[in-house]
Amino acid sequence: MSKLRCASVLLIPALLTACAAAAPATHADAPSAGVVIDVPTIKHPQEETPAWWYRDGAAQAAQRGAPSAKAKNVILFVGDGMSLTTVAAARILAGQLKGAPGEENRLSWERFPSTALSKTYNTDSQTPDSAGTMSAMATGVKTRAGVLSIGQKGARGDCAQALKAPMLTLWELAAGSGLATGVVTTTRVTHATPGATFSHSADRNWENDMDLPEKAKAEGCLDIARQMIESPYGTGPDVLMGGGRANFMTVEQRDPEYDDKVGQRLDGRDLIATWKQRHPGGAYVWNAKQLAAAPKDQPLFALFEPDHMQFEHDRPQDGAGEPSLKEMTLAAIERLKRNPNGYVLLVEGGRIDHAHHMGNAYRALTDTIALSEAVDAANRATSADDTLILVTADHSHTLSFVGYPTRGNPMLGKVRGSSGEDGDPNDYARDALGKPYTTLNYSNGPGYTGASAQQPEGPHTFPHTVSGTMEIEKGRPDLTKVDTEAPDYMQEALVPTSSETHGGDDVGIWARGPGSAAVRGSVEQNTIYHFLLQSLPKLRASLCAKGDCDDNQIPVTLPKPEDFKSAR
């Protein structure tokens, strides 16, 4: 086709497709012919099984061409609670922090060539939680809210059923197949998202032995921290970084950073010592200085707080010094890339979710920007020739982006413009009572402006731990003289709840690298596992060797965990 004819596409729409075909696609962007996998038609939810979910997810990925990819490494970034509204608001705020209007800005993953939507519901809930959603991404199987990497049959808290239905995770498969594995998070490493990689639990809250009910102990269930350290798949995670020191230390051990804190384990197990014994030459660190000095060619265990790590806004004030998510990501890649077989890495911006729950958009958005910086660093540190990077969220939140603010209006500010589709861009938009309002607010949460036992009626200040909530008596507060851009300002919430809730709407998926072209359309969340798995020939071969593949060498049969456990 001539250049002249391609230049005429604005006048001749019929030539659009032909001109697009004339431009060669890169290896990472080019869709490949899909493979059709038959999936039985069932009645939902009563006929759903782990085997059905696994096959259905495999079919969605294969139909989009994922098996044609040849990735050596995969990195899954999860912005916990990173709704599409959160992405849009963080994009604008990031641009404004650089002195631009903001709307034209893009977060790092928004420059990736492939996008899709993920349907996040759990098998028992329209609006999901992080345990069920990450379990879907980790195992290829949707399951209940509140459980980690087990089948959906057993109720939450049912240890006996959980022990009967562990679902092999991508991280366990990788560790059992000779690949390096890593888990990086800003939450406790035993929290729902990281916990789903190397543990199987009937309750996401069973993080240490003190959390386990006596009945569950008697039936043989282990706490999440112990499972993460004692994993029978390879030697467990080669890199494990985040918060949650207390879950790995005994009550007799004093925290190295805080004199008034001790470990939480009552069983006498020093799991940090256990990790060291299992990884001779590996480094355990608990602050940023130690991380910088740790050997880059050895396994790494890093616990920077007894509980969750600091929000990005608060991190510079940490006494011992905490690394950024970007720094942790680069530290993980530096170590994992030394494995000639490749690696599977999870990086979670976990406190986006916590800030939303606490009704504080400032910290949610700045933690989202920190995740964007980590993704950008990973993009630069790896090659699109051999590394698939996939960015997504586990679920949404109730953050709303409202009014008709003028172009460049401060993202965290009050709306200037109108409450209709026209207005004065130099004046605040007004509600029906004549009061200004912010661009961002929440449908529910602790930002409800009625009085509580902790704070008087009116705009609330972070953190607001709510009890004794009372009805609003004076109406909406007048925000004219309130600094809504302050980091501790809490956005107004319509419905009073002690914690803002998740949302049930779809979240985004963005991808680059081998297999990224398959990431398109609307998919069930468990398909993310299959995007990752099908892009990795080595892991596909491991499953095919156990008879878990069809004639096209695509894993379609639910794998047996015991097939990949290391000999003891």
Protein backbone atom coordinates (compact mmCIF):
# COMPACT_ATOMS: atom_id res chain seq x y z
CA MET A 1 0.00 0.00 0.00
CA SER A 2 1.39 3.43 -0.90
CA LYS A 3 2.09 6.18 1.59
CA LEU A 4 -0.41 8.34 -0.29
CA ARG A 5 -3.23 5.87 0.20
CA CYS A 6 -2.39 5.48 3.92
CA ALA A 7 -2.46 9.25 4.29
CA SER A 8 -6.02 9.24 2.99
CA VAL A 9 -7.46 7.26 5.86
CA LEU A 10 -9.10 10.32 7.36
CA LEU A 11 -11.14 10.64 4.19
CA ILE A 12 -11.67 6.97 3.44
CA PRO A 13 -12.52 5.04 6.62
CA ALA A 14 -12.54 1.75 4.73
CA LEU A 15 -8.76 1.99 4.41
CA LEU A 16 -8.17 2.17 8.18
CA THR A 17 -7.78 -1.54 8.65
CA ALA A 18 -5.53 -1.97 5.64
CA CYS A 19 -3.25 0.89 6.71
CA ALA A 20 -2.95 -0.49 10.21
CA ALA A 21 -1.95 -3.83 8.74
CA ALA A 22 0.74 -2.16 6.66
CA ALA A 23 2.60 -1.03 9.80
CA PRO A 24 4.64 -3.90 11.25
CA ALA A 25 3.77 -4.81 14.84
CA THR A 26 6.48 -5.43 17.40
CA HIS A 27 6.97 -8.84 18.97
CA ALA A 28 5.39 -7.67 22.22
CA ASP A 29 2.35 -6.08 20.62
CA ALA A 30 1.41 -8.57 17.93
CA PRO A 31 -1.69 -10.68 18.64
CA SER A 32 -1.31 -14.35 17.77
CA ALA A 33 -3.83 -16.86 16.57
CA GLY A 34 -5.86 -18.16 19.48
CA VAL A 35 -6.52 -21.73 20.52
CA VAL A 36 -10.09 -22.79 21.28
CA ILE A 37 -10.56 -24.87 24.42
CA ASP A 38 -13.95 -26.41 25.07
CA VAL A 39 -15.44 -25.42 28.42
CA PRO A 40 -18.56 -27.17 29.74
CA THR A 41 -21.65 -25.02 30.17
CA ILE A 42 -22.68 -25.06 33.82
CA LYS A 43 -25.22 -23.49 36.17
CA HIS A 44 -23.73 -20.73 38.32
CA PRO A 45 -22.83 -20.88 41.10
CA GLN A 46 -24.05 -24.31 42.10
CA GLU A 47 -22.04 -26.26 39.50
CA GLU A 48 -18.81 -24.27 39.80
CA THR A 49 -15.75 -26.29 40.79
CA PRO A 50 -12.03 -25.48 40.93
CA ALA A 51 -11.48 -27.69 37.87
CA TRP A 52 -14.11 -25.74 35.91
CA TRP A 53 -12.67 -22.36 36.90
CA TYR A 54 -9.18 -23.51 35.92
CA ARG A 55 -10.26 -24.73 32.49
CA ASP A 56 -12.39 -21.65 31.85
CA GLY A 57 -9.50 -19.32 32.72
CA ALA A 58 -7.16 -21.33 30.50
CA ALA A 59 -9.64 -21.03 27.64
CA GLN A 60 -9.90 -17.24 27.96
CA ALA A 61 -6.11 -16.82 27.85
CA ALA A 62 -5.55 -19.38 25.08
CA GLN A 63 -8.28 -17.92 22.87
CA ARG A 64 -6.42 -14.60 23.01
CA GLY A 65 -3.12 -16.18 21.96
CA ALA A 66 -1.21 -16.30 25.26
CA PRO A 67 0.42 -19.72 24.56
CA SER A 68 2.43 -18.31 21.64
CA ALA A 69 4.53 -16.20 24.04
CA LYS A 70 8.00 -17.16 25.18
CA ALA A 71 8.70 -15.25 28.38
CA LYS A 72 11.49 -16.15 30.74
CA ASN A 73 10.26 -13.99 33.62
CA VAL A 74 6.94 -12.55 34.78
CA ILE A 75 6.26 -9.70 37.19
CA LEU A 76 2.76 -9.16 38.55
CA PHE A 77 2.17 -5.71 40.05
CA VAL A 78 -0.97 -5.43 42.18
CA GLY A 79 -2.25 -2.05 43.33
CA ASP A 80 -4.44 -3.21 46.19
CA GLY A 81 -7.76 -1.38 45.89
CA MET A 82 -6.53 0.56 42.84
CA SER A 83 -9.85 1.32 41.15
CA LEU A 84 -9.99 2.98 37.75
CA THR A 85 -11.02 6.17 39.55
CA THR A 86 -7.90 5.86 41.70
CA VAL A 87 -5.76 5.50 38.58
CA ALA A 88 -7.33 8.56 36.94
CA ALA A 89 -6.99 10.72 40.05
CA ALA A 90 -3.41 9.59 40.73
CA ARG A 91 -2.49 10.27 37.10
CA ILE A 92 -3.71 13.85 37.36
CA LEU A 93 -2.17 14.42 40.80
CA ALA A 94 1.19 13.08 39.60
CA GLY A 95 1.13 15.51 36.69
CA GLN A 96 0.15 18.41 38.92
CA LEU A 97 2.97 17.63 41.34
CA LYS A 98 5.29 18.24 38.36
CA GLY A 99 3.69 21.61 37.62
CA ALA A 100 1.45 20.49 34.73
CA PRO A 101 -2.37 20.60 34.44
CA GLY A 102 -2.32 16.85 35.03
CA GLU A 103 -5.01 15.44 32.78
CA GLU A 104 -2.54 14.82 29.94
CA ASN A 105 -0.22 12.85 32.24
CA ARG A 106 0.11 9.07 32.23
CA LEU A 107 1.18 6.70 34.96
CA SER A 108 3.96 4.34 33.91
CA TRP A 109 1.73 1.38 33.06
CA GLU A 110 -0.62 3.54 31.02
CA ARG A 111 2.09 3.57 28.37
CA PHE A 112 1.99 -0.20 28.04
CA PRO A 113 0.56 -1.47 24.74
CA SER A 114 -2.10 -3.85 26.07
CA THR A 115 -5.09 -3.33 28.33
CA ALA A 116 -8.08 -5.31 29.56
CA LEU A 117 -10.75 -5.30 32.23
CA SER A 118 -10.85 -7.76 35.12
CA LYS A 119 -14.11 -9.00 36.70
CA THR A 120 -13.30 -9.23 40.39
CA TYR A 121 -16.24 -10.88 42.16
CA ASN A 122 -15.61 -13.79 44.54
CA THR A 123 -17.61 -17.01 44.28
CA ASP A 124 -19.74 -15.94 47.27
CA SER A 125 -19.67 -12.14 46.98
CA GLN A 126 -20.41 -9.47 44.37
CA THR A 127 -17.94 -7.12 46.02
CA PRO A 128 -14.75 -9.06 46.73
CA ASP A 129 -11.95 -9.00 49.26
CA SER A 130 -8.20 -9.19 48.69
CA ALA A 131 -7.85 -12.81 49.78
CA GLY A 132 -10.29 -14.26 47.27
CA THR A 133 -9.14 -11.97 44.47
CA MET A 134 -5.41 -12.63 44.85
CA SER A 135 -6.15 -16.33 45.22
CA ALA A 136 -7.79 -16.17 41.79
CA MET A 137 -4.72 -14.50 40.29
CA ALA A 138 -2.33 -16.85 42.11
CA THR A 139 -4.05 -20.16 41.36
CA GLY A 140 -6.18 -19.68 38.24
CA VAL A 141 -9.26 -20.58 40.28
CA LYS A 142 -11.88 -18.23 41.72
CA THR A 143 -12.82 -18.82 45.34
CA ARG A 144 -14.56 -17.35 48.38
CA ALA A 145 -13.87 -14.08 50.11
CA GLY A 146 -11.56 -14.35 53.09
CA VAL A 147 -9.70 -17.54 52.17
CA LEU A 148 -6.25 -18.04 50.66
CA SER A 149 -5.52 -20.33 47.70
CA ILE A 150 -8.06 -23.04 48.51
CA GLY A 151 -11.14 -24.25 46.62
CA GLN A 152 -14.50 -22.57 47.07
CA LYS A 153 -16.32 -25.48 48.70
CA GLY A 154 -15.12 -24.99 52.25
CA ALA A 155 -16.58 -22.14 54.28
CA ARG A 156 -14.29 -19.50 55.71
CA GLY A 157 -12.78 -20.78 58.94
CA ASP A 158 -13.28 -24.46 58.07
CA CYS A 159 -9.78 -25.87 58.53
CA ALA A 160 -10.70 -29.46 57.64
CA GLN A 161 -12.14 -28.45 54.27
CA ALA A 162 -9.20 -26.17 53.54
CA LEU A 163 -6.76 -29.01 54.06
CA LYS A 164 -8.66 -31.03 51.45
CA ALA A 165 -8.60 -28.34 48.77
CA PRO A 166 -5.24 -26.54 48.43
CA MET A 167 -4.81 -24.95 45.01
CA LEU A 168 -1.25 -24.92 43.65
CA THR A 169 -0.10 -21.33 43.13
CA LEU A 170 2.02 -19.96 40.30
CA TRP A 171 4.74 -19.12 42.84
CA GLU A 172 4.75 -22.66 44.25
CA LEU A 173 4.81 -24.12 40.75
CA ALA A 174 7.74 -21.87 39.87
CA ALA A 175 9.68 -22.70 43.04
CA GLY A 176 9.05 -26.41 42.49
CA SER A 177 10.20 -26.13 38.87
CA GLY A 178 13.54 -24.44 39.48
CA LEU A 179 12.59 -20.80 38.88
CA ALA A 180 13.35 -18.03 41.35
CA THR A 181 10.41 -16.50 43.18
CA GLY A 182 9.84 -13.21 44.92
CA VAL A 183 7.15 -11.48 46.97
CA VAL A 184 7.37 -7.75 47.67
CA THR A 185 4.70 -5.72 49.47
CA THR A 186 4.15 -2.62 51.59
CA THR A 187 1.79 -4.56 53.87
CA ARG A 188 2.65 -7.38 56.24
CA VAL A 189 4.07 -10.18 54.11
CA THR A 190 1.44 -12.44 55.70
CA HIS A 191 -1.40 -10.17 54.58
CA ALA A 192 -3.99 -11.37 52.07
CA THR A 193 -2.28 -10.53 48.78
CA PRO A 194 1.27 -11.72 49.55
CA GLY A 195 -0.06 -14.56 51.69
CA ALA A 196 -1.88 -16.13 48.73
CA THR A 197 1.44 -16.88 46.99
CA PHE A 198 2.87 -19.46 49.41
CA SER A 199 0.09 -20.34 51.85
CA HIS A 200 -3.29 -22.06 51.94
CA SER A 201 -5.63 -20.95 54.66
CA ALA A 202 -9.29 -21.16 55.57
CA ASP A 203 -9.00 -17.66 56.99
CA ARG A 204 -6.83 -14.78 55.82
CA ASN A 205 -6.49 -13.61 59.43
CA TRP A 206 -4.59 -16.70 60.60
CA GLU A 207 -1.30 -14.84 60.17
CA ASN A 208 0.53 -16.26 63.21
CA ASP A 209 -0.09 -19.14 65.61
CA MET A 210 -1.80 -16.86 68.11
CA ASP A 211 -4.47 -16.15 65.47
CA LEU A 212 -5.27 -19.84 64.91
CA PRO A 213 -8.31 -21.21 66.77
CA GLU A 214 -7.58 -24.27 68.90
CA LYS A 215 -9.85 -26.38 66.71
CA ALA A 216 -7.88 -25.41 63.61
CA LYS A 217 -4.60 -26.26 65.35
CA ALA A 218 -5.96 -29.65 66.38
CA GLU A 219 -7.05 -30.36 62.80
CA GLY A 220 -3.55 -29.59 61.51
CA CYS A 221 -3.80 -26.11 60.00
CA LEU A 222 -0.68 -23.93 60.10
CA ASP A 223 -0.52 -20.18 60.33
CA ILE A 224 0.36 -18.14 57.23
CA ALA A 225 3.78 -16.95 58.46
CA ARG A 226 4.91 -20.50 59.13
CA GLN A 227 3.68 -21.67 55.73
CA MET A 228 5.54 -18.86 53.97
CA ILE A 229 8.83 -19.82 55.66
CA GLU A 230 8.44 -23.61 55.68
CA SER A 231 7.00 -23.95 52.17
CA PRO A 232 7.59 -27.42 50.70
CA TYR A 233 8.01 -25.94 47.20
CA GLY A 234 11.69 -25.47 46.49
CA THR A 235 13.01 -23.38 49.36
CA GLY A 236 10.03 -21.03 49.36
CA PRO A 237 10.39 -17.43 48.20
CA ASP A 238 13.96 -16.43 47.34
CA VAL A 239 13.05 -12.81 48.04
CA LEU A 240 10.45 -11.87 50.64
CA MET A 241 10.10 -8.18 51.54
CA GLY A 242 7.56 -6.08 53.37
CA GLY A 243 6.25 -5.55 56.90
CA GLY A 244 4.99 -7.91 59.56
CA ARG A 245 8.06 -8.72 61.72
CA ALA A 246 5.90 -9.54 64.72
CA ASN A 247 4.37 -12.58 62.99
CA PHE A 248 7.81 -14.19 62.64
CA MET A 249 9.15 -13.45 66.14
CA THR A 250 8.33 -15.03 69.50
CA VAL A 251 6.82 -13.12 72.39
CA GLU A 252 10.21 -13.43 74.11
CA GLN A 253 11.93 -11.49 71.33
CA ARG A 254 12.05 -7.70 71.48
CA ASP A 255 11.58 -5.79 68.23
CA PRO A 256 14.87 -4.34 66.94
CA GLU A 257 13.32 -0.98 66.07
CA TYR A 258 10.74 -0.34 68.80
CA ASP A 259 11.67 -1.00 72.43
CA ASP A 260 8.03 -1.28 73.48
CA LYS A 261 7.17 -4.06 70.99
CA VAL A 262 7.78 -7.81 70.98
CA GLY A 263 6.96 -10.68 68.66
CA GLN A 264 3.53 -12.30 68.59
CA ARG A 265 4.32 -15.99 68.32
CA LEU A 266 3.42 -18.20 71.29
CA ASP A 267 4.78 -21.45 69.81
CA GLY A 268 8.41 -20.53 70.43
CA ARG A 269 9.26 -20.63 66.72
CA ASP A 270 11.76 -18.01 65.61
CA LEU A 271 10.82 -18.05 61.92
CA ILE A 272 13.52 -15.54 61.01
CA ALA A 273 16.11 -18.02 62.31
CA THR A 274 14.34 -20.80 60.40
CA TRP A 275 14.61 -18.79 57.18
CA LYS A 276 18.33 -18.20 57.78
CA GLN A 277 18.93 -21.92 58.29
CA ARG A 278 17.08 -22.69 55.08
CA HIS A 279 18.96 -20.07 53.07
CA PRO A 280 22.66 -20.28 53.98
CA GLY A 281 24.36 -17.10 52.83
CA GLY A 282 21.05 -15.27 52.57
CA ALA A 283 20.55 -11.90 54.22
CA TYR A 284 17.88 -10.87 56.73
CA VAL A 285 17.46 -7.08 57.04
CA TRP A 286 15.03 -4.72 58.77
CA ASN A 287 15.96 -1.23 57.58
CA ALA A 288 16.93 0.59 54.40
CA LYS A 289 20.63 0.85 55.27
CA GLN A 290 20.90 -2.90 55.79
CA LEU A 291 19.04 -3.51 52.52
CA ALA A 292 21.52 -1.37 50.62
CA ALA A 293 24.42 -3.35 52.14
CA ALA A 294 22.93 -6.83 51.60
CA PRO A 295 24.66 -9.10 49.05
CA LYS A 296 22.96 -8.92 45.67
CA ASP A 297 23.70 -12.52 44.72
CA GLN A 298 21.99 -14.21 47.68
CA PRO A 299 18.40 -14.73 48.89
CA LEU A 300 16.84 -11.86 50.83
CA PHE A 301 14.35 -11.67 53.71
CA ALA A 302 13.39 -8.12 54.70
CA LEU A 303 10.86 -7.10 57.33
CA PHE A 304 10.80 -3.34 57.78
CA GLU A 305 8.02 -2.98 60.37
CA PRO A 306 6.34 -5.11 63.06
CA ASP A 307 3.07 -4.36 61.25
CA HIS A 308 2.44 -2.79 57.83
CA MET A 309 5.07 -0.53 56.31
CA GLN A 310 4.54 3.24 56.33
CA PHE A 311 2.41 5.03 53.77
CA GLU A 312 4.62 6.66 51.15
CA HIS A 313 3.78 10.12 52.54
CA ASP A 314 4.93 9.08 56.03
CA ARG A 315 7.92 6.95 55.00
CA PRO A 316 10.54 9.76 55.18
CA GLN A 317 9.75 10.21 58.89
CA ASP A 318 10.42 6.54 59.75
CA GLY A 319 13.15 6.46 62.39
CA ALA A 320 15.03 3.40 61.17
CA GLY A 321 14.55 4.21 57.49
CA GLU A 322 12.31 2.31 55.11
CA PRO A 323 13.03 1.75 51.42
CA SER A 324 10.56 2.87 48.78
CA LEU A 325 8.54 0.36 46.80
CA LYS A 326 10.74 1.25 43.81
CA GLU A 327 13.88 0.40 45.78
CA MET A 328 12.43 -2.90 46.98
CA THR A 329 11.37 -3.80 43.44
CA LEU A 330 14.83 -3.17 42.03
CA ALA A 331 16.43 -5.12 44.91
CA ALA A 332 14.19 -8.10 44.11
CA ILE A 333 14.88 -8.03 40.37
CA GLU A 334 18.65 -7.74 40.95
CA ARG A 335 18.63 -10.99 42.91
CA LEU A 336 16.01 -12.99 41.03
CA LYS A 337 17.45 -12.34 37.56
CA ARG A 338 20.53 -14.40 38.48
CA ASN A 339 18.53 -17.60 38.18
CA PRO A 340 19.14 -18.91 34.62
CA ASN A 341 15.66 -20.50 34.58
CA GLY A 342 13.89 -17.18 35.13
CA TYR A 343 11.64 -15.89 37.90
CA VAL A 344 8.10 -15.11 39.03
CA LEU A 345 7.72 -11.93 41.10
CA LEU A 346 4.79 -10.29 42.88
CA VAL A 347 5.02 -6.60 43.80
CA GLU A 348 2.10 -5.16 45.76
CA GLY A 349 1.32 -1.54 46.51
CA GLY A 350 -0.77 -2.75 49.40
CA ARG A 351 -1.49 0.41 51.32
CA ILE A 352 -3.48 2.10 48.56
CA ASP A 353 -6.30 -0.03 49.91
CA HIS A 354 -5.67 0.93 53.53
CA ALA A 355 -5.74 4.66 52.79
CA HIS A 356 -9.06 4.25 50.98
CA HIS A 357 -10.49 2.29 53.91
CA MET A 358 -9.39 5.16 56.15
CA GLY A 359 -11.12 7.71 53.90
CA ASN A 360 -7.90 9.53 52.98
CA ALA A 361 -7.49 10.05 49.25
CA TYR A 362 -4.14 11.84 49.62
CA ARG A 363 -2.34 8.75 50.90
CA ALA A 364 -4.17 6.44 48.50
CA LEU A 365 -3.08 8.54 45.52
CA THR A 366 0.51 9.10 46.64
CA ASP A 367 0.90 5.36 47.26
CA THR A 368 -0.47 4.80 43.74
CA ILE A 369 2.16 7.19 42.38
CA ALA A 370 4.81 5.24 44.32
CA LEU A 371 3.58 2.07 42.61
CA SER A 372 3.86 3.82 39.24
CA GLU A 373 7.48 4.66 40.04
CA ALA A 374 8.15 1.01 40.92
CA VAL A 375 6.59 -0.17 37.64
CA ASP A 376 8.66 2.35 35.69
CA ALA A 377 11.82 1.10 37.41
CA ALA A 378 10.97 -2.52 36.61
CA ASN A 379 10.21 -1.60 33.02
CA ARG A 380 13.65 -0.01 32.70
CA ALA A 381 15.44 -2.81 34.55
CA THR A 382 14.02 -5.61 32.39
CA SER A 383 13.62 -6.33 28.70
CA ALA A 384 10.33 -6.63 26.84
CA ASP A 385 12.04 -9.43 24.91
CA ASP A 386 11.91 -11.87 27.84
CA THR A 387 9.91 -10.34 30.72
CA LEU A 388 6.14 -10.01 30.87
CA ILE A 389 5.03 -7.23 33.21
CA LEU A 390 1.36 -7.19 34.12
CA VAL A 391 -0.19 -4.44 36.29
CA THR A 392 -3.64 -4.74 37.82
CA ALA A 393 -5.71 -4.29 40.97
CA ASP A 394 -7.40 -6.89 43.09
CA HIS A 395 -10.60 -4.90 43.58
CA SER A 396 -12.11 -1.43 43.47
CA HIS A 397 -13.15 1.13 46.11
CA THR A 398 -15.94 3.71 46.47
CA LEU A 399 -13.86 6.77 45.56
CA SER A 400 -15.82 9.10 43.24
CA PHE A 401 -14.59 11.77 40.81
CA VAL A 402 -17.43 14.33 40.61
CA GLY A 403 -18.60 17.72 39.43
CA TYR A 404 -17.30 19.59 36.40
CA PRO A 405 -13.93 20.92 37.59
CA THR A 406 -12.11 23.12 35.12
CA ARG A 407 -9.00 21.85 33.35
CA GLY A 408 -6.05 21.75 35.75
CA ASN A 409 -8.21 22.09 38.86
CA PRO A 410 -6.27 20.74 41.88
CA MET A 411 -7.05 17.04 42.10
CA LEU A 412 -7.48 17.16 45.87
CA GLY A 413 -9.09 20.58 45.86
CA LYS A 414 -12.60 21.96 45.71
CA VAL A 415 -14.37 21.99 42.36
CA ARG A 416 -13.96 25.22 40.42
CA GLY A 417 -16.36 25.36 37.54
CA SER A 418 -19.90 24.17 37.87
CA SER A 419 -22.29 21.57 39.14
CA GLY A 420 -23.80 21.58 35.66
CA GLU A 421 -22.12 21.61 32.30
CA ASP A 422 -21.26 25.30 32.32
CA GLY A 423 -20.09 27.75 34.92
CA ASP A 424 -17.41 30.17 36.00
CA PRO A 425 -14.01 28.40 36.09
CA ASN A 426 -12.74 31.03 38.53
CA ASP A 427 -15.32 30.34 41.19
CA TYR A 428 -16.18 27.32 43.30
CA ALA A 429 -18.98 25.10 42.09
CA ARG A 430 -21.79 24.99 44.63
CA ASP A 431 -24.16 22.32 45.81
CA ALA A 432 -27.91 23.01 46.01
CA LEU A 433 -27.33 24.66 49.40
CA GLY A 434 -24.68 27.02 48.04
CA LYS A 435 -21.67 25.26 49.57
CA PRO A 436 -18.49 24.19 47.72
CA TYR A 437 -17.48 20.55 47.50
CA THR A 438 -14.41 18.52 46.57
CA THR A 439 -13.72 16.68 43.32
CA LEU A 440 -13.07 13.46 45.24
CA ASN A 441 -15.35 11.89 47.82
CA TYR A 442 -16.36 8.46 49.08
CA SER A 443 -19.71 6.69 49.04
CA ASN A 444 -19.13 5.50 52.60
CA GLY A 445 -16.52 5.49 55.33
CA PRO A 446 -15.11 7.42 58.29
CA GLY A 447 -15.25 10.72 56.40
CA TYR A 448 -18.97 11.03 57.19
CA THR A 449 -19.12 14.48 58.76
CA GLY A 450 -21.35 13.71 61.71
CA ALA A 451 -19.75 13.83 65.15
CA SER A 452 -18.09 10.73 66.59
CA ALA A 453 -16.60 9.86 69.95
CA GLN A 454 -13.23 10.91 68.52
CA GLN A 455 -13.91 14.07 66.47
CA PRO A 456 -16.61 16.78 66.41
CA GLU A 457 -19.07 17.30 63.58
CA GLY A 458 -17.54 18.71 60.43
CA PRO A 459 -14.57 17.80 58.22
CA HIS A 460 -12.56 15.01 59.77
CA THR A 461 -8.81 14.62 60.08
CA PHE A 462 -6.78 11.49 59.34
CA PRO A 463 -6.64 9.14 61.15
CA HIS A 464 -10.23 8.95 62.32
CA THR A 465 -10.87 5.70 64.24
CA VAL A 466 -14.64 5.80 64.42
CA SER A 467 -16.96 4.90 67.27
CA GLY A 468 -20.08 6.56 68.60
CA THR A 469 -21.10 8.06 65.26
CA MET A 470 -23.94 10.58 65.40
CA GLU A 471 -26.27 11.98 62.76
CA ILE A 472 -25.22 15.17 61.02
CA GLU A 473 -27.03 18.02 62.78
CA LYS A 474 -25.65 21.11 61.06
CA GLY A 475 -25.75 19.88 57.48
CA ARG A 476 -22.80 19.70 55.09
CA PRO A 477 -19.81 21.66 56.34
CA ASP A 478 -18.79 24.84 54.54
CA LEU A 479 -15.44 23.95 52.96
CA THR A 480 -14.69 27.46 51.70
CA LYS A 481 -11.84 28.00 54.17
CA VAL A 482 -10.89 24.33 54.64
CA ASP A 483 -7.62 23.13 53.10
CA THR A 484 -8.88 20.01 51.35
CA GLU A 485 -5.46 19.47 49.74
CA ALA A 486 -3.80 18.87 53.10
CA PRO A 487 -2.45 15.30 53.47
CA ASP A 488 -4.62 14.62 56.53
CA TYR A 489 -7.89 15.95 55.11
CA MET A 490 -10.52 13.21 54.88
CA GLN A 491 -12.91 13.36 51.96
CA GLU A 492 -16.60 13.51 52.80
CA ALA A 493 -18.49 10.21 52.85
CA LEU A 494 -22.20 9.80 52.20
CA VAL A 495 -22.83 6.77 54.44
CA PRO A 496 -21.23 6.53 57.91
CA THR A 497 -19.13 3.38 58.30
CA SER A 498 -16.10 2.80 60.47
CA SER A 499 -14.14 1.71 57.42
CA GLU A 500 -14.79 2.61 53.79
CA THR A 501 -15.69 -0.46 51.73
CA HIS A 502 -14.46 -2.07 48.56
CA GLY A 503 -16.36 -1.59 45.30
CA GLY A 504 -17.59 -4.31 42.98
CA ASP A 505 -16.74 -2.63 39.67
CA ASP A 506 -14.16 -3.91 37.21
CA VAL A 507 -10.49 -2.98 37.48
CA GLY A 508 -7.88 -2.49 34.78
CA ILE A 509 -5.10 -4.74 33.51
CA TRP A 510 -2.09 -3.30 31.67
CA ALA A 511 0.73 -5.37 30.16
CA ARG A 512 3.94 -5.30 28.15
CA GLY A 513 6.38 -7.99 27.03
CA PRO A 514 5.93 -11.55 25.72
CA GLY A 515 2.27 -12.52 26.05
CA SER A 516 1.01 -8.97 26.56
CA ALA A 517 -0.95 -9.00 23.30
CA ALA A 518 -3.29 -11.56 24.85
CA VAL A 519 -4.31 -9.04 27.51
CA ARG A 520 -7.40 -7.55 25.93
CA GLY A 521 -11.15 -7.50 26.32
CA SER A 522 -13.04 -8.36 29.49
CA VAL A 523 -11.85 -11.39 31.44
CA GLU A 524 -12.57 -13.18 34.67
CA GLN A 525 -9.91 -12.33 37.22
CA ASN A 526 -8.54 -15.89 37.44
CA THR A 527 -7.52 -15.55 33.77
CA ILE A 528 -4.61 -13.37 34.93
CA TYR A 529 -2.91 -16.49 36.29
CA HIS A 530 -3.31 -18.15 32.89
CA PHE A 531 -1.92 -15.11 31.05
CA LEU A 532 1.19 -15.44 33.20
CA LEU A 533 1.42 -19.23 33.10
CA GLN A 534 0.83 -19.63 29.36
CA SER A 535 3.51 -17.04 28.60
CA LEU A 536 6.15 -19.16 30.43
CA PRO A 537 7.20 -22.20 28.35
CA LYS A 538 9.18 -23.69 31.24
CA LEU A 539 6.21 -23.76 33.59
CA ARG A 540 3.91 -25.03 30.87
CA ALA A 541 6.37 -27.88 30.25
CA SER A 542 6.40 -28.70 33.98
CA LEU A 543 2.63 -29.09 33.99
CA CYS A 544 2.54 -30.98 30.69
CA ALA A 545 5.08 -33.45 32.08
CA LYS A 546 2.53 -34.29 34.79
CA GLY A 547 -0.26 -34.81 32.26
CA ASP A 548 -2.06 -31.54 32.95
CA CYS A 549 -2.08 -30.26 29.34
CA ASP A 550 -4.28 -30.81 26.29
CA ASP A 551 -3.11 -31.77 22.80
CA ASN A 552 -2.00 -28.18 22.19
CA GLN A 553 0.29 -28.33 25.24
CA ILE A 554 -1.85 -25.88 27.13
CA PRO A 555 -2.41 -26.54 30.87
CA VAL A 556 -6.14 -27.12 31.29
CA THR A 557 -6.30 -29.64 34.14
CA LEU A 558 -6.11 -28.52 37.75
CA PRO A 559 -2.57 -29.43 38.88
CA LYS A 560 -1.89 -31.58 41.95
CA PRO A 561 0.15 -29.70 44.57
CA GLU A 562 2.01 -32.86 45.64
CA ASP A 563 3.48 -33.20 42.15
CA PHE A 564 5.67 -30.15 42.74
CA LYS A 565 6.69 -30.45 46.38
CA SER A 566 10.37 -30.88 47.08
CA ALA A 567 11.66 -34.13 48.54
CA ARG A 568 12.28 -33.81 52.27
